[in-house]
Amino acid sequence: MPNGEDGPARAEPLTETDLADINRALERLEDSERLIAKAQIAGIDVTPFRDRSRDTKDRLLKIKQAFFPGQ
């Protein structure tokens, strides 16, 4: 491109709607974590569910921090 331009400005990769979706997913994960804890108390092996929930929460928090810092 002339003058070192990269072309038209790119839209943000994530929108406010995406932020709302991330926040809803984090809320649902909190609910899931409470249910997982109850199941664990009842003696049910919930290791795979607990691990998956934690991994998903970690990924969502990293995405949120990267694209929506301070929100």
C-alpha atoms as a PDB file:
ATOM      1  CA  MET A   1       0.000   0.000   0.000  1.00  0.00           C
ATOM      2  CA  PRO A   2       1.260   3.504  -0.641  1.00  0.00           C
ATOM      3  CA  ASN A   3       2.643   5.616   2.195  1.00  0.00           C
ATOM      4  CA  GLY A   4       2.984   2.575   4.443  1.00  0.00           C
ATOM      5  CA  GLU A   5      -0.752   2.297   4.967  1.00  0.00           C
ATOM      6  CA  ASP A   6      -2.192  -1.053   5.911  1.00  0.00           C
ATOM      7  CA  GLY A   7      -5.494  -0.455   4.207  1.00  0.00           C
ATOM      8  CA  PRO A   8      -8.821   0.427   5.783  1.00  0.00           C
ATOM      9  CA  ALA A   9      -9.047   0.529   9.542  1.00  0.00           C
ATOM     10  CA  ARG A  10      -9.991  -2.817  11.002  1.00  0.00           C
ATOM     11  CA  ALA A  11     -12.937  -3.159  13.294  1.00  0.00           C
ATOM     12  CA  GLU A  12     -12.267  -4.291  16.817  1.00  0.00           C
ATOM     13  CA  PRO A  13     -12.118  -8.089  16.896  1.00  0.00           C
ATOM     14  CA  LEU A  14     -14.536  -8.238  19.838  1.00  0.00           C
ATOM     15  CA  THR A  15     -17.557  -6.071  20.505  1.00  0.00           C
ATOM     16  CA  GLU A  16     -19.536  -5.032  23.566  1.00  0.00           C
ATOM     17  CA  THR A  17     -21.886  -7.900  22.730  1.00  0.00           C
ATOM     18  CA  ASP A  18     -18.930 -10.259  23.017  1.00  0.00           C
ATOM     19  CA  LEU A  19     -18.076  -8.753  26.411  1.00  0.00           C
ATOM     20  CA  ALA A  20     -21.648  -9.347  27.572  1.00  0.00           C
ATOM     21  CA  ASP A  21     -21.430 -12.952  26.327  1.00  0.00           C
ATOM     22  CA  ILE A  22     -18.142 -13.467  28.169  1.00  0.00           C
ATOM     23  CA  ASN A  23     -19.616 -12.051  31.374  1.00  0.00           C
ATOM     24  CA  ARG A  24     -22.690 -14.305  31.084  1.00  0.00           C
ATOM     25  CA  ALA A  25     -20.462 -17.329  30.516  1.00  0.00           C
ATOM     26  CA  LEU A  26     -18.405 -16.435  33.591  1.00  0.00           C
ATOM     27  CA  GLU A  27     -21.595 -16.167  35.650  1.00  0.00           C
ATOM     28  CA  ARG A  28     -22.730 -19.591  34.420  1.00  0.00           C
ATOM     29  CA  LEU A  29     -19.339 -21.024  35.295  1.00  0.00           C
ATOM     30  CA  GLU A  30     -19.721 -19.731  38.846  1.00  0.00           C
ATOM     31  CA  ASP A  31     -23.072 -21.530  39.067  1.00  0.00           C
ATOM     32  CA  SER A  32     -21.459 -24.681  37.690  1.00  0.00           C
ATOM     33  CA  GLU A  33     -18.620 -24.455  40.202  1.00  0.00           C
ATOM     34  CA  ARG A  34     -21.154 -24.374  43.056  1.00  0.00           C
ATOM     35  CA  LEU A  35     -22.902 -27.467  41.685  1.00  0.00           C
ATOM     36  CA  ILE A  36     -19.576 -29.225  41.164  1.00  0.00           C
ATOM     37  CA  ALA A  37     -18.632 -28.484  44.780  1.00  0.00           C
ATOM     38  CA  LYS A  38     -21.940 -29.957  46.002  1.00  0.00           C
ATOM     39  CA  ALA A  39     -21.425 -33.080  43.895  1.00  0.00           C
ATOM     40  CA  GLN A  40     -17.906 -33.436  45.256  1.00  0.00           C
ATOM     41  CA  ILE A  41     -19.229 -33.217  48.828  1.00  0.00           C
ATOM     42  CA  ALA A  42     -21.688 -35.970  47.918  1.00  0.00           C
ATOM     43  CA  GLY A  43     -18.759 -38.181  46.953  1.00  0.00           C
ATOM     44  CA  ILE A  44     -19.087 -37.930  43.182  1.00  0.00           C
ATOM     45  CA  ASP A  45     -15.855 -37.815  41.184  1.00  0.00           C
ATOM     46  CA  VAL A  46     -16.141 -34.475  39.415  1.00  0.00           C
ATOM     47  CA  THR A  47     -12.474 -34.065  38.533  1.00  0.00           C
ATOM     48  CA  PRO A  48     -12.969 -33.777  34.747  1.00  0.00           C
ATOM     49  CA  PHE A  49     -15.821 -31.292  35.167  1.00  0.00           C
ATOM     50  CA  ARG A  50     -13.914 -29.223  37.734  1.00  0.00           C
ATOM     51  CA  ASP A  51     -10.792 -29.155  35.533  1.00  0.00           C
ATOM     52  CA  ARG A  52     -12.739 -28.200  32.411  1.00  0.00           C
ATOM     53  CA  SER A  53     -14.603 -25.466  34.288  1.00  0.00           C
ATOM     54  CA  ARG A  54     -11.361 -24.007  35.636  1.00  0.00           C
ATOM     55  CA  ASP A  55      -9.673 -24.118  32.226  1.00  0.00           C
ATOM     56  CA  THR A  56     -12.629 -22.438  30.548  1.00  0.00           C
ATOM     57  CA  LYS A  57     -12.808 -19.760  33.238  1.00  0.00           C
ATOM     58  CA  ASP A  58      -9.069 -19.070  32.922  1.00  0.00           C
ATOM     59  CA  ARG A  59      -9.345 -18.710  29.129  1.00  0.00           C
ATOM     60  CA  LEU A  60     -12.350 -16.414  29.321  1.00  0.00           C
ATOM     61  CA  LEU A  61     -10.675 -14.212  31.931  1.00  0.00           C
ATOM     62  CA  LYS A  62      -7.542 -13.936  29.760  1.00  0.00           C
ATOM     63  CA  ILE A  63      -9.614 -12.970  26.721  1.00  0.00           C
ATOM     64  CA  LYS A  64     -11.565 -10.441  28.765  1.00  0.00           C
ATOM     65  CA  GLN A  65      -8.392  -8.919  30.187  1.00  0.00           C
ATOM     66  CA  ALA A  66      -6.719  -8.715  26.773  1.00  0.00           C
ATOM     67  CA  PHE A  67      -9.635  -7.183  24.862  1.00  0.00           C
ATOM     68  CA  PHE A  68     -11.523  -5.381  27.617  1.00  0.00           C
ATOM     69  CA  PRO A  69      -8.942  -4.283  30.206  1.00  0.00           C
ATOM     70  CA  GLY A  70     -10.468  -2.902  33.381  1.00  0.00           C
ATOM     71  CA  GLN A  71     -13.999  -4.084  32.574  1.00  0.00           C
END
